């Protein structure tokens, strides 16, 4: 049952990082910590049940998580280059200015 404690600690760190950081990459890392904590919890629960599905689920979970992470990182690079910053507050301000210019 040590994996449950590890999963809860990872979830707590991820939520703390999500609530306190305003940089895109740090928020992304926090979300990945939360997803990894959930994946760890599911895989270990399936494995402890004695079924052989744990390894298959682990392979599926990590492959989809890796693909999603690659797409999100590419989007972060595009957003950072377009707006010239990785601060979420500044990006939202710039997006708001762009929308007001379009309406006029």
Foldseek 3Di string as FASTA:
>chain_A
DVLLVVLVVLLVVLVVQCVPDQFQVSVLVSVVSNLVSVLSVVLVVVVVVVDPCSVVSNVVSVVVSVVVSVVSVVVQVVLCVVQVGRGNVSSVVVVVVVVVVVVD
